[in-house]
mmCIF file of all heavy atoms, coordinates in Angstrom:
data_MODEL
# 
_entry.id   MODEL 
# 
loop_
_atom_site.group_PDB 
_atom_site.id 
_atom_site.type_symbol 
_atom_site.label_atom_id 
_atom_site.label_alt_id 
_atom_site.label_comp_id 
_atom_site.label_asym_id 
_atom_site.label_entity_id 
_atom_site.label_seq_id 
_atom_site.pdbx_PDB_ins_code 
_atom_site.Cartn_x 
_atom_site.Cartn_y 
_atom_site.Cartn_z 
_atom_site.occupancy 
_atom_site.B_iso_or_equiv 
_atom_site.pdbx_formal_charge 
_atom_site.auth_seq_id 
_atom_site.auth_comp_id 
_atom_site.auth_asym_id 
_atom_site.auth_atom_id 
_atom_site.pdbx_PDB_model_num 
ATOM 1   N N   . PRO A 1 1  ? -8.616  84.904  -68.895 1.00 0.00 ? 1  PRO A N   1 
ATOM 2   C CA  . PRO A 1 1  ? -8.419  86.007  -67.946 1.00 0.00 ? 1  PRO A CA  1 
ATOM 3   C C   . PRO A 1 1  ? -6.963  86.266  -67.578 1.00 0.00 ? 1  PRO A C   1 
ATOM 4   O O   . PRO A 1 1  ? -6.697  87.104  -66.734 1.00 0.00 ? 1  PRO A O   1 
ATOM 5   C CB  . PRO A 1 1  ? -9.195  85.511  -66.729 1.00 0.00 ? 1  PRO A CB  1 
ATOM 6   C CG  . PRO A 1 1  ? -8.992  84.032  -66.755 1.00 0.00 ? 1  PRO A CG  1 
ATOM 7   C CD  . PRO A 1 1  ? -8.956  83.644  -68.207 1.00 0.00 ? 1  PRO A CD  1 
ATOM 8   N N   . SER A 1 2  ? -6.023  85.520  -68.186 1.00 0.00 ? 2  SER A N   1 
ATOM 9   C CA  . SER A 1 2  ? -4.631  85.651  -67.761 1.00 0.00 ? 2  SER A CA  1 
ATOM 10  C C   . SER A 1 2  ? -4.013  86.970  -68.205 1.00 0.00 ? 2  SER A C   1 
ATOM 11  O O   . SER A 1 2  ? -3.136  87.509  -67.531 1.00 0.00 ? 2  SER A O   1 
ATOM 12  C CB  . SER A 1 2  ? -3.813  84.473  -68.310 1.00 0.00 ? 2  SER A CB  1 
ATOM 13  O OG  . SER A 1 2  ? -3.897  84.429  -69.726 1.00 0.00 ? 2  SER A OG  1 
ATOM 14  N N   . PHE A 1 3  ? -4.447  87.504  -69.347 1.00 0.00 ? 3  PHE A N   1 
ATOM 15  C CA  . PHE A 1 3  ? -3.856  88.738  -69.864 1.00 0.00 ? 3  PHE A CA  1 
ATOM 16  C C   . PHE A 1 3  ? -4.597  89.943  -69.293 1.00 0.00 ? 3  PHE A C   1 
ATOM 17  O O   . PHE A 1 3  ? -5.819  89.905  -69.136 1.00 0.00 ? 3  PHE A O   1 
ATOM 18  C CB  . PHE A 1 3  ? -3.933  88.750  -71.397 1.00 0.00 ? 3  PHE A CB  1 
ATOM 19  C CG  . PHE A 1 3  ? -3.064  89.793  -72.033 1.00 0.00 ? 3  PHE A CG  1 
ATOM 20  C CD1 . PHE A 1 3  ? -1.690  89.645  -72.045 1.00 0.00 ? 3  PHE A CD1 1 
ATOM 21  C CD2 . PHE A 1 3  ? -3.622  90.917  -72.606 1.00 0.00 ? 3  PHE A CD2 1 
ATOM 22  C CE1 . PHE A 1 3  ? -0.881  90.609  -72.624 1.00 0.00 ? 3  PHE A CE1 1 
ATOM 23  C CE2 . PHE A 1 3  ? -2.828  91.889  -73.190 1.00 0.00 ? 3  PHE A CE2 1 
ATOM 24  C CZ  . PHE A 1 3  ? -1.448  91.726  -73.196 1.00 0.00 ? 3  PHE A CZ  1 
ATOM 25  N N   . PRO A 1 4  ? -3.878  91.043  -68.971 1.00 0.00 ? 4  PRO A N   1 
ATOM 26  C CA  . PRO A 1 4  ? -4.533  92.219  -68.382 1.00 0.00 ? 4  PRO A CA  1 
ATOM 27  C C   . PRO A 1 4  ? -5.678  92.742  -69.246 1.00 0.00 ? 4  PRO A C   1 
ATOM 28  O O   . PRO A 1 4  ? -5.517  92.963  -70.439 1.00 0.00 ? 4  PRO A O   1 
ATOM 29  C CB  . PRO A 1 4  ? -3.392  93.241  -68.288 1.00 0.00 ? 4  PRO A CB  1 
ATOM 30  C CG  . PRO A 1 4  ? -2.155  92.419  -68.219 1.00 0.00 ? 4  PRO A CG  1 
ATOM 31  C CD  . PRO A 1 4  ? -2.416  91.209  -69.061 1.00 0.00 ? 4  PRO A CD  1 
ATOM 32  N N   . LYS A 1 5  ? -6.803  92.948  -68.625 1.00 0.00 ? 5  LYS A N   1 
ATOM 33  C CA  . LYS A 1 5  ? -8.011  93.352  -69.342 1.00 0.00 ? 5  LYS A CA  1 
ATOM 34  C C   . LYS A 1 5  ? -7.926  94.774  -69.865 1.00 0.00 ? 5  LYS A C   1 
ATOM 35  O O   . LYS A 1 5  ? -8.653  95.142  -70.804 1.00 0.00 ? 5  LYS A O   1 
ATOM 36  C CB  . LYS A 1 5  ? -9.220  93.206  -68.405 1.00 0.00 ? 5  LYS A CB  1 
ATOM 37  C CG  . LYS A 1 5  ? -10.543 93.021  -69.117 1.00 0.00 ? 5  LYS A CG  1 
ATOM 38  C CD  . LYS A 1 5  ? -11.631 92.668  -68.133 1.00 0.00 ? 5  LYS A CD  1 
ATOM 39  C CE  . LYS A 1 5  ? -12.945 92.394  -68.860 1.00 0.00 ? 5  LYS A CE  1 
ATOM 40  N NZ  . LYS A 1 5  ? -14.016 91.994  -67.906 1.00 0.00 ? 5  LYS A NZ  1 
ATOM 41  N N   . ARG A 1 6  ? -7.038  95.581  -69.313 1.00 0.00 ? 6  ARG A N   1 
ATOM 42  C CA  . ARG A 1 6  ? -6.960  96.988  -69.721 1.00 0.00 ? 6  ARG A CA  1 
ATOM 43  C C   . ARG A 1 6  ? -6.558  97.146  -71.184 1.00 0.00 ? 6  ARG A C   1 
ATOM 44  O O   . ARG A 1 6  ? -6.823  98.182  -71.801 1.00 0.00 ? 6  ARG A O   1 
ATOM 45  C CB  . ARG A 1 6  ? -5.968  97.736  -68.835 1.00 0.00 ? 6  ARG A CB  1 
ATOM 46  C CG  . ARG A 1 6  ? -4.516  97.303  -68.986 1.00 0.00 ? 6  ARG A CG  1 
ATOM 47  C CD  . ARG A 1 6  ? -3.590  98.098  -68.082 1.00 0.00 ? 6  ARG A CD  1 
ATOM 48  N NE  . ARG A 1 6  ? -2.195  97.769  -68.272 1.00 0.00 ? 6  ARG A NE  1 
ATOM 49  C CZ  . ARG A 1 6  ? -1.567  96.788  -67.632 1.00 0.00 ? 6  ARG A CZ  1 
ATOM 50  N NH1 . ARG A 1 6  ? -2.232  96.044  -66.758 1.00 0.00 ? 6  ARG A NH1 1 
ATOM 51  N NH2 . ARG A 1 6  ? -0.287  96.549  -67.858 1.00 0.00 ? 6  ARG A NH2 1 
ATOM 52  N N   . PHE A 1 7  ? -5.899  96.123  -71.763 1.00 0.00 ? 7  PHE A N   1 
ATOM 53  C CA  . PHE A 1 7  ? -5.496  96.206  -73.163 1.00 0.00 ? 7  PHE A CA  1 
ATOM 54  C C   . PHE A 1 7  ? -6.654  95.901  -74.112 1.00 0.00 ? 7  PHE A C   1 
ATOM 55  O O   . PHE A 1 7  ? -6.556  96.165  -75.309 1.00 0.00 ? 7  PHE A O   1 
ATOM 56  C CB  . PHE A 1 7  ? -4.338  95.241  -73.446 1.00 0.00 ? 7  PHE A CB  1 
ATOM 57  C CG  . PHE A 1 7  ? -3.027  95.695  -72.874 1.00 0.00 ? 7  PHE A CG  1 
ATOM 58  C CD1 . PHE A 1 7  ? -2.612  95.241  -71.633 1.00 0.00 ? 7  PHE A CD1 1 
ATOM 59  C CD2 . PHE A 1 7  ? -2.216  96.579  -73.555 1.00 0.00 ? 7  PHE A CD2 1 
ATOM 60  C CE1 . PHE A 1 7  ? -1.406  95.644  -71.089 1.00 0.00 ? 7  PHE A CE1 1 
ATOM 61  C CE2 . PHE A 1 7  ? -1.007  96.999  -73.023 1.00 0.00 ? 7  PHE A CE2 1 
ATOM 62  C CZ  . PHE A 1 7  ? -0.598  96.530  -71.794 1.00 0.00 ? 7  PHE A CZ  1 
ATOM 63  N N   . LEU A 1 8  ? -7.717  95.299  -73.598 1.00 0.00 ? 8  LEU A N   1 
ATOM 64  C CA  . LEU A 1 8  ? -8.852  94.924  -74.440 1.00 0.00 ? 8  LEU A CA  1 
ATOM 65  C C   . LEU A 1 8  ? -10.028 95.869  -74.297 1.00 0.00 ? 8  LEU A C   1 
ATOM 66  O O   . LEU A 1 8  ? -10.972 95.799  -75.089 1.00 0.00 ? 8  LEU A O   1 
ATOM 67  C CB  . LEU A 1 8  ? -9.301  93.498  -74.092 1.00 0.00 ? 8  LEU A CB  1 
ATOM 68  C CG  . LEU A 1 8  ? -8.242  92.408  -74.291 1.00 0.00 ? 8  LEU A CG  1 
ATOM 69  C CD1 . LEU A 1 8  ? -8.740  91.085  -73.740 1.00 0.00 ? 8  LEU A CD1 1 
ATOM 70  C CD2 . LEU A 1 8  ? -7.904  92.268  -75.765 1.00 0.00 ? 8  LEU A CD2 1 
ATOM 71  N N   . GLU A 1 9  ? -10.007 96.717  -73.296 1.00 0.00 ? 9  GLU A N   1 
ATOM 72  C CA  . GLU A 1 9  ? -11.113 97.654  -73.078 1.00 0.00 ? 9  GLU A CA  1 
ATOM 73  C C   . GLU A 1 9  ? -10.550 99.071  -72.932 1.00 0.00 ? 9  GLU A C   1 
ATOM 74  O O   . GLU A 1 9  ? -9.448  99.261  -72.397 1.00 0.00 ? 9  GLU A O   1 
ATOM 75  C CB  . GLU A 1 9  ? -11.887 97.276  -71.803 1.00 0.00 ? 9  GLU A CB  1 
ATOM 76  C CG  . GLU A 1 9  ? -12.569 95.923  -71.881 1.00 0.00 ? 9  GLU A CG  1 
ATOM 77  C CD  . GLU A 1 9  ? -13.284 95.570  -70.586 1.00 0.00 ? 9  GLU A CD  1 
ATOM 78  O OE1 . GLU A 1 9  ? -13.089 96.300  -69.585 1.00 0.00 ? 9  GLU A OE1 1 
ATOM 79  O OE2 . GLU A 1 9  ? -14.040 94.589  -70.575 1.00 0.00 ? 9  GLU A OE2 1 
ATOM 80  N N   . PRO A 1 10 ? -11.301 100.103 -73.383 1.00 0.00 ? 10 PRO A N   1 
ATOM 81  C CA  . PRO A 1 10 ? -12.610 100.002 -74.036 1.00 0.00 ? 10 PRO A CA  1 
ATOM 82  C C   . PRO A 1 10 ? -12.518 99.818  -75.538 1.00 0.00 ? 10 PRO A C   1 
ATOM 83  O O   . PRO A 1 10 ? -13.495 99.508  -76.197 1.00 0.00 ? 10 PRO A O   1 
ATOM 84  C CB  . PRO A 1 10 ? -13.237 101.360 -73.711 1.00 0.00 ? 10 PRO A CB  1 
ATOM 85  C CG  . PRO A 1 10 ? -12.051 102.294 -73.661 1.00 0.00 ? 10 PRO A CG  1 
ATOM 86  C CD  . PRO A 1 10 ? -10.916 101.486 -73.110 1.00 0.00 ? 10 PRO A CD  1 
ATOM 87  N N   . ASN A 1 11 ? -11.317 100.030 -76.137 1.00 0.00 ? 11 ASN A N   1 
ATOM 88  C CA  . ASN A 1 11 ? -11.171 100.003 -77.588 1.00 0.00 ? 11 ASN A CA  1 
ATOM 89  C C   . ASN A 1 11 ? -10.195 98.901  -77.980 1.00 0.00 ? 11 ASN A C   1 
ATOM 90  O O   . ASN A 1 11 ? -8.983  99.060  -77.836 1.00 0.00 ? 11 ASN A O   1 
ATOM 91  C CB  . ASN A 1 11 ? -10.672 101.364 -78.092 1.00 0.00 ? 11 ASN A CB  1 
ATOM 92  C CG  . ASN A 1 11 ? -10.615 101.429 -79.610 1.00 0.00 ? 11 ASN A CG  1 
ATOM 93  O OD1 . ASN A 1 11 ? -11.086 100.518 -80.281 1.00 0.00 ? 11 ASN A OD1 1 
ATOM 94  N ND2 . ASN A 1 11 ? -10.043 102.485 -80.126 1.00 0.00 ? 11 ASN A ND2 1 
ATOM 95  N N   . VAL A 1 12 ? -10.742 97.790  -78.460 1.00 0.00 ? 12 VAL A N   1 
ATOM 96  C CA  . VAL A 1 12 ? -9.887  96.661  -78.810 1.00 0.00 ? 12 VAL A CA  1 
ATOM 97  C C   . VAL A 1 12 ? -9.079  96.943  -80.078 1.00 0.00 ? 12 VAL A C   1 
ATOM 98  O O   . VAL A 1 12 ? -8.048  96.316  -80.323 1.00 0.00 ? 12 VAL A O   1 
ATOM 99  C CB  . VAL A 1 12 ? -10.738 95.389  -78.975 1.00 0.00 ? 12 VAL A CB  1 
ATOM 100 C CG1 . VAL A 1 12 ? -11.546 95.437  -80.270 1.00 0.00 ? 12 VAL A CG1 1 
ATOM 101 C CG2 . VAL A 1 12 ? -9.864  94.134  -78.949 1.00 0.00 ? 12 VAL A CG2 1 
ATOM 102 N N   . ASP A 1 13 ? -9.524  97.908  -80.885 1.00 0.00 ? 13 ASP A N   1 
ATOM 103 C CA  . ASP A 1 13 ? -8.781  98.245  -82.101 1.00 0.00 ? 13 ASP A CA  1 
ATOM 104 C C   . ASP A 1 13 ? -7.388  98.755  -81.769 1.00 0.00 ? 13 ASP A C   1 
ATOM 105 O O   . ASP A 1 13 ? -6.445  98.568  -82.548 1.00 0.00 ? 13 ASP A O   1 
ATOM 106 C CB  . ASP A 1 13 ? -9.534  99.297  -82.916 1.00 0.00 ? 13 ASP A CB  1 
ATOM 107 C CG  . ASP A 1 13 ? -10.812 98.746  -83.526 1.00 0.00 ? 13 ASP A CG  1 
ATOM 108 O OD1 . ASP A 1 13 ? -10.875 97.518  -83.697 1.00 0.00 ? 13 ASP A OD1 1 
ATOM 109 O OD2 . ASP A 1 13 ? -11.724 99.533  -83.823 1.00 0.00 ? 13 ASP A OD2 1 
ATOM 110 N N   . LEU A 1 14 ? -7.251  99.412  -80.619 1.00 0.00 ? 14 LEU A N   1 
ATOM 111 C CA  . LEU A 1 14 ? -5.936  99.916  -80.222 1.00 0.00 ? 14 LEU A CA  1 
ATOM 112 C C   . LEU A 1 14 ? -4.958  98.765  -80.040 1.00 0.00 ? 14 LEU A C   1 
ATOM 113 O O   . LEU A 1 14 ? -3.783  98.867  -80.413 1.00 0.00 ? 14 LEU A O   1 
ATOM 114 C CB  . LEU A 1 14 ? -6.058  100.726 -78.930 1.00 0.00 ? 14 LEU A CB  1 
ATOM 115 C CG  . LEU A 1 14 ? -4.740  101.293 -78.369 1.00 0.00 ? 14 LEU A CG  1 
ATOM 116 C CD1 . LEU A 1 14 ? -4.085  102.223 -79.376 1.00 0.00 ? 14 LEU A CD1 1 
ATOM 117 C CD2 . LEU A 1 14 ? -4.984  102.018 -77.050 1.00 0.00 ? 14 LEU A CD2 1 
ATOM 118 N N   . LEU A 1 15 ? -5.427  97.653  -79.466 1.00 0.00 ? 15 LEU A N   1 
ATOM 119 C CA  . LEU A 1 15 ? -4.559  96.485  -79.296 1.00 0.00 ? 15 LEU A CA  1 
ATOM 120 C C   . LEU A 1 15 ? -4.110  95.952  -80.647 1.00 0.00 ? 15 LEU A C   1 
ATOM 121 O O   . LEU A 1 15 ? -2.922  95.663  -80.842 1.00 0.00 ? 15 LEU A O   1 
ATOM 122 C CB  . LEU A 1 15 ? -5.296  95.394  -78.517 1.00 0.00 ? 15 LEU A CB  1 
ATOM 123 C CG  . LEU A 1 15 ? -4.563  94.051  -78.399 1.00 0.00 ? 15 LEU A CG  1 
ATOM 124 C CD1 . LEU A 1 15 ? -3.277  94.208  -77.602 1.00 0.00 ? 15 LEU A CD1 1 
ATOM 125 C CD2 . LEU A 1 15 ? -5.461  92.997  -77.753 1.00 0.00 ? 15 LEU A CD2 1 
ATOM 126 N N   . CYS A 1 16 ? -5.034  95.825  -81.591 1.00 0.00 ? 16 CYS A N   1 
ATOM 127 C CA  . CYS A 1 16 ? -4.692  95.299  -82.914 1.00 0.00 ? 16 CYS A CA  1 
ATOM 128 C C   . CYS A 1 16 ? -3.702  96.213  -83.633 1.00 0.00 ? 16 CYS A C   1 
ATOM 129 O O   . CYS A 1 16 ? -2.731  95.743  -84.244 1.00 0.00 ? 16 CYS A O   1 
ATOM 130 C CB  . CYS A 1 16 ? -5.956  95.130  -83.753 1.00 0.00 ? 16 CYS A CB  1 
ATOM 131 S SG  . CYS A 1 16 ? -7.137  93.941  -83.072 1.00 0.00 ? 16 CYS A SG  1 
ATOM 132 N N   . HIS A 1 17 ? -3.929  97.523  -83.544 1.00 0.00 ? 17 HIS A N   1 
ATOM 133 C CA  . HIS A 1 17 ? -3.013  98.465  -84.190 1.00 0.00 ? 17 HIS A CA  1 
ATOM 134 C C   . HIS A 1 17 ? -1.640  98.426  -83.527 1.00 0.00 ? 17 HIS A C   1 
ATOM 135 O O   . HIS A 1 17 ? -0.614  98.507  -84.213 1.00 0.00 ? 17 HIS A O   1 
ATOM 136 C CB  . HIS A 1 17 ? -3.582  99.886  -84.116 1.00 0.00 ? 17 HIS A CB  1 
ATOM 137 C CG  . HIS A 1 17 ? -4.799  100.093 -84.971 1.00 0.00 ? 17 HIS A CG  1 
ATOM 138 N ND1 . HIS A 1 17 ? -4.898  99.600  -86.254 1.00 0.00 ? 17 HIS A ND1 1 
ATOM 139 C CD2 . HIS A 1 17 ? -5.976  100.731 -84.725 1.00 0.00 ? 17 HIS A CD2 1 
ATOM 140 C CE1 . HIS A 1 17 ? -6.061  99.921  -86.774 1.00 0.00 ? 17 HIS A CE1 1 
ATOM 141 N NE2 . HIS A 1 17 ? -6.749  100.605 -85.863 1.00 0.00 ? 17 HIS A NE2 1 
ATOM 142 N N   . THR A 1 18 ? -1.617  98.293  -82.217 1.00 0.00 ? 18 THR A N   1 
ATOM 143 C CA  . THR A 1 18 ? -0.337  98.249  -81.506 1.00 0.00 ? 18 THR A CA  1 
ATOM 144 C C   . THR A 1 18 ? 0.450   96.999  -81.878 1.00 0.00 ? 18 THR A C   1 
ATOM 145 O O   . THR A 1 18 ? 1.661   97.060  -82.096 1.00 0.00 ? 18 THR A O   1 
ATOM 146 C CB  . THR A 1 18 ? -0.566  98.299  -79.983 1.00 0.00 ? 18 THR A CB  1 
ATOM 147 O OG1 . THR A 1 18 ? -1.331  99.452  -79.646 1.00 0.00 ? 18 THR A OG1 1 
ATOM 148 C CG2 . THR A 1 18 ? 0.763   98.357  -79.247 1.00 0.00 ? 18 THR A CG2 1 
ATOM 149 N N   . VAL A 1 19 ? -0.239  95.853  -81.951 1.00 0.00 ? 19 VAL A N   1 
ATOM 150 C CA  . VAL A 1 19 ? 0.423   94.612  -82.359 1.00 0.00 ? 19 VAL A CA  1 
ATOM 151 C C   . VAL A 1 19 ? 1.017   94.762  -83.755 1.00 0.00 ? 19 VAL A C   1 
ATOM 152 O O   . VAL A 1 19 ? 2.150   94.334  -84.030 1.00 0.00 ? 19 VAL A O   1 
ATOM 153 C CB  . VAL A 1 19 ? -0.570  93.430  -82.322 1.00 0.00 ? 19 VAL A CB  1 
ATOM 154 C CG1 . VAL A 1 19 ? 0.036   92.191  -82.973 1.00 0.00 ? 19 VAL A CG1 1 
ATOM 155 C CG2 . VAL A 1 19 ? -0.970  93.125  -80.875 1.00 0.00 ? 19 VAL A CG2 1 
ATOM 156 N N   . SER A 1 20 ? 0.263   95.398  -84.651 1.00 0.00 ? 20 SER A N   1 
ATOM 157 C CA  . SER A 1 20 ? 0.745   95.593  -86.022 1.00 0.00 ? 20 SER A CA  1 
ATOM 158 C C   . SER A 1 20 ? 1.926   96.562  -86.086 1.00 0.00 ? 20 SER A C   1 
ATOM 159 O O   . SER A 1 20 ? 2.740   96.485  -87.015 1.00 0.00 ? 20 SER A O   1 
ATOM 160 C CB  . SER A 1 20 ? -0.394  96.110  -86.905 1.00 0.00 ? 20 SER A CB  1 
ATOM 161 O OG  . SER A 1 20 ? -1.484  95.206  -86.909 1.00 0.00 ? 20 SER A OG  1 
ATOM 162 N N   . ASP A 1 21 ? 2.010   97.468  -85.119 1.00 0.00 ? 21 ASP A N   1 
ATOM 163 C CA  . ASP A 1 21 ? 3.086   98.462  -85.121 1.00 0.00 ? 21 ASP A CA  1 
ATOM 164 C C   . ASP A 1 21 ? 4.394   97.948  -84.527 1.00 0.00 ? 21 ASP A C   1 
ATOM 165 O O   . ASP A 1 21 ? 5.422   98.624  -84.636 1.00 0.00 ? 21 ASP A O   1 
ATOM 166 C CB  . ASP A 1 21 ? 2.660   99.704  -84.320 1.00 0.00 ? 21 ASP A CB  1 
ATOM 167 C CG  . ASP A 1 21 ? 1.600   100.519 -85.051 1.00 0.00 ? 21 ASP A CG  1 
ATOM 168 O OD1 . ASP A 1 21 ? 1.452   100.327 -86.274 1.00 0.00 ? 21 ASP A OD1 1 
ATOM 169 O OD2 . ASP A 1 21 ? 0.903   101.323 -84.390 1.00 0.00 ? 21 ASP A OD2 1 
ATOM 170 N N   . VAL A 1 22 ? 4.358   96.796  -83.884 1.00 0.00 ? 22 VAL A N   1 
ATOM 171 C CA  . VAL A 1 22 ? 5.579   96.272  -83.255 1.00 0.00 ? 22 VAL A CA  1 
ATOM 172 C C   . VAL A 1 22 ? 6.576   95.868  -84.337 1.00 0.00 ? 22 VAL A C   1 
ATOM 173 O O   . VAL A 1 22 ? 6.268   95.041  -85.195 1.00 0.00 ? 22 VAL A O   1 
ATOM 174 C CB  . VAL A 1 22 ? 5.257   95.070  -82.347 1.00 0.00 ? 22 VAL A CB  1 
ATOM 175 C CG1 . VAL A 1 22 ? 6.540   94.419  -81.836 1.00 0.00 ? 22 VAL A CG1 1 
ATOM 176 C CG2 . VAL A 1 22 ? 4.394   95.513  -81.174 1.00 0.00 ? 22 VAL A CG2 1 
ATOM 177 N N   . PRO A 1 23 ? 7.772   96.425  -84.330 1.00 0.00 ? 23 PRO A N   1 
ATOM 178 C CA  . PRO A 1 23 ? 8.779   96.058  -85.333 1.00 0.00 ? 23 PRO A CA  1 
ATOM 179 C C   . PRO A 1 23 ? 9.389   94.692  -85.012 1.00 0.00 ? 23 PRO A C   1 
ATOM 180 O O   . PRO A 1 23 ? 9.203   94.177  -83.908 1.00 0.00 ? 23 PRO A O   1 
ATOM 181 C CB  . PRO A 1 23 ? 9.828   97.174  -85.184 1.00 0.00 ? 23 PRO A CB  1 
ATOM 182 C CG  . PRO A 1 23 ? 9.729   97.570  -83.743 1.00 0.00 ? 23 PRO A CG  1 
ATOM 183 C CD  . PRO A 1 23 ? 8.282   97.417  -83.365 1.00 0.00 ? 23 PRO A CD  1 
ATOM 184 N N   . PRO A 1 24 ? 10.099  94.078  -85.954 1.00 0.00 ? 24 PRO A N   1 
ATOM 185 C CA  . PRO A 1 24 ? 10.814  92.841  -85.643 1.00 0.00 ? 24 PRO A CA  1 
ATOM 186 C C   . PRO A 1 24 ? 11.736  93.046  -84.445 1.00 0.00 ? 24 PRO A C   1 
ATOM 187 O O   . PRO A 1 24 ? 12.487  94.025  -84.404 1.00 0.00 ? 24 PRO A O   1 
ATOM 188 C CB  . PRO A 1 24 ? 11.604  92.555  -86.923 1.00 0.00 ? 24 PRO A CB  1 
ATOM 189 C CG  . PRO A 1 24 ? 10.841  93.261  -88.001 1.00 0.00 ? 24 PRO A CG  1 
ATOM 190 C CD  . PRO A 1 24 ? 10.260  94.485  -87.364 1.00 0.00 ? 24 PRO A CD  1 
ATOM 191 N N   . LEU A 1 25 ? 11.656  92.158  -83.482 1.00 0.00 ? 25 LEU A N   1 
ATOM 192 C CA  . LEU A 1 25 ? 12.417  92.355  -82.242 1.00 0.00 ? 25 LEU A CA  1 
ATOM 193 C C   . LEU A 1 25 ? 13.917  92.344  -82.490 1.00 0.00 ? 25 LEU A C   1 
ATOM 194 O O   . LEU A 1 25 ? 14.669  93.040  -81.808 1.00 0.00 ? 25 LEU A O   1 
ATOM 195 C CB  . LEU A 1 25 ? 12.042  91.264  -81.233 1.00 0.00 ? 25 LEU A CB  1 
ATOM 196 C CG  . LEU A 1 25 ? 10.568  91.229  -80.808 1.00 0.00 ? 25 LEU A CG  1 
ATOM 197 C CD1 . LEU A 1 25 ? 10.359  90.194  -79.711 1.00 0.00 ? 25 LEU A CD1 1 
ATOM 198 C CD2 . LEU A 1 25 ? 10.104  92.596  -80.341 1.00 0.00 ? 25 LEU A CD2 1 
ATOM 199 N N   . GLU A 1 26 ? 14.355  91.566  -83.455 1.00 0.00 ? 26 GLU A N   1 
ATOM 200 C CA  . GLU A 1 26 ? 15.785  91.536  -83.766 1.00 0.00 ? 26 GLU A CA  1 
ATOM 201 C C   . GLU A 1 26 ? 16.264  92.895  -84.254 1.00 0.00 ? 26 GLU A C   1 
ATOM 202 O O   . GLU A 1 26 ? 17.316  93.395  -83.842 1.00 0.00 ? 26 GLU A O   1 
ATOM 203 C CB  . GLU A 1 26 ? 16.067  90.464  -84.824 1.00 0.00 ? 26 GLU A CB  1 
ATOM 204 C CG  . GLU A 1 26 ? 17.537  90.308  -85.163 1.00 0.00 ? 26 GLU A CG  1 
ATOM 205 C CD  . GLU A 1 26 ? 17.781  89.213  -86.181 1.00 0.00 ? 26 GLU A CD  1 
ATOM 206 O OE1 . GLU A 1 26 ? 16.802  88.594  -86.637 1.00 0.00 ? 26 GLU A OE1 1 
ATOM 207 O OE2 . GLU A 1 26 ? 18.952  88.973  -86.515 1.00 0.00 ? 26 GLU A OE2 1 
ATOM 208 N N   . GLY A 1 27 ? 15.460  93.525  -85.136 1.00 0.00 ? 27 GLY A N   1 
ATOM 209 C CA  . GLY A 1 27 ? 15.819  94.850  -85.627 1.00 0.00 ? 27 GLY A CA  1 
ATOM 210 C C   . GLY A 1 27 ? 15.764  95.900  -84.537 1.00 0.00 ? 27 GLY A C   1 
ATOM 211 O O   . GLY A 1 27 ? 16.585  96.816  -84.492 1.00 0.00 ? 27 GLY A O   1 
ATOM 212 N N   . LEU A 1 28 ? 14.778  95.765  -83.642 1.00 0.00 ? 28 LEU A N   1 
ATOM 213 C CA  . LEU A 1 28 ? 14.648  96.704  -82.529 1.00 0.00 ? 28 LEU A CA  1 
ATOM 214 C C   . LEU A 1 28 ? 15.885  96.671  -81.640 1.00 0.00 ? 28 LEU A C   1 
ATOM 215 O O   . LEU A 1 28 ? 16.475  97.709  -81.323 1.00 0.00 ? 28 LEU A O   1 
ATOM 216 C CB  . LEU A 1 28 ? 13.404  96.361  -81.711 1.00 0.00 ? 28 LEU A CB  1 
ATOM 217 C CG  . LEU A 1 28 ? 13.203  97.103  -80.389 1.00 0.00 ? 28 LEU A CG  1 
ATOM 218 C CD1 . LEU A 1 28 ? 13.027  98.585  -80.635 1.00 0.00 ? 28 LEU A CD1 1 
ATOM 219 C CD2 . LEU A 1 28 ? 12.006  96.541  -79.635 1.00 0.00 ? 28 LEU A CD2 1 
ATOM 220 N N   . LEU A 1 29 ? 16.303  95.484  -81.252 1.00 0.00 ? 29 LEU A N   1 
ATOM 221 C CA  . LEU A 1 29 ? 17.456  95.360  -80.363 1.00 0.00 ? 29 LEU A CA  1 
ATOM 222 C C   . LEU A 1 29 ? 18.746  95.762  -81.066 1.00 0.00 ? 29 LEU A C   1 
ATOM 223 O O   . LEU A 1 29 ? 19.618  96.410  -80.469 1.00 0.00 ? 29 LEU A O   1 
ATOM 224 C CB  . LEU A 1 29 ? 17.562  93.922  -79.852 1.00 0.00 ? 29 LEU A CB  1 
ATOM 225 C CG  . LEU A 1 29 ? 18.634  93.660  -78.798 1.00 0.00 ? 29 LEU A CG  1 
ATOM 226 C CD1 . LEU A 1 29 ? 18.398  94.517  -77.561 1.00 0.00 ? 29 LEU A CD1 1 
ATOM 227 C CD2 . LEU A 1 29 ? 18.660  92.175  -78.413 1.00 0.00 ? 29 LEU A CD2 1 
# 
């Protein structure tokens, strides 16, 4: 329960797609 539930509901696929879309943080900065 530590992570905000709004990221898991109602569509958990959005979380997975968002994680996959995150670029390397070094390149981002």
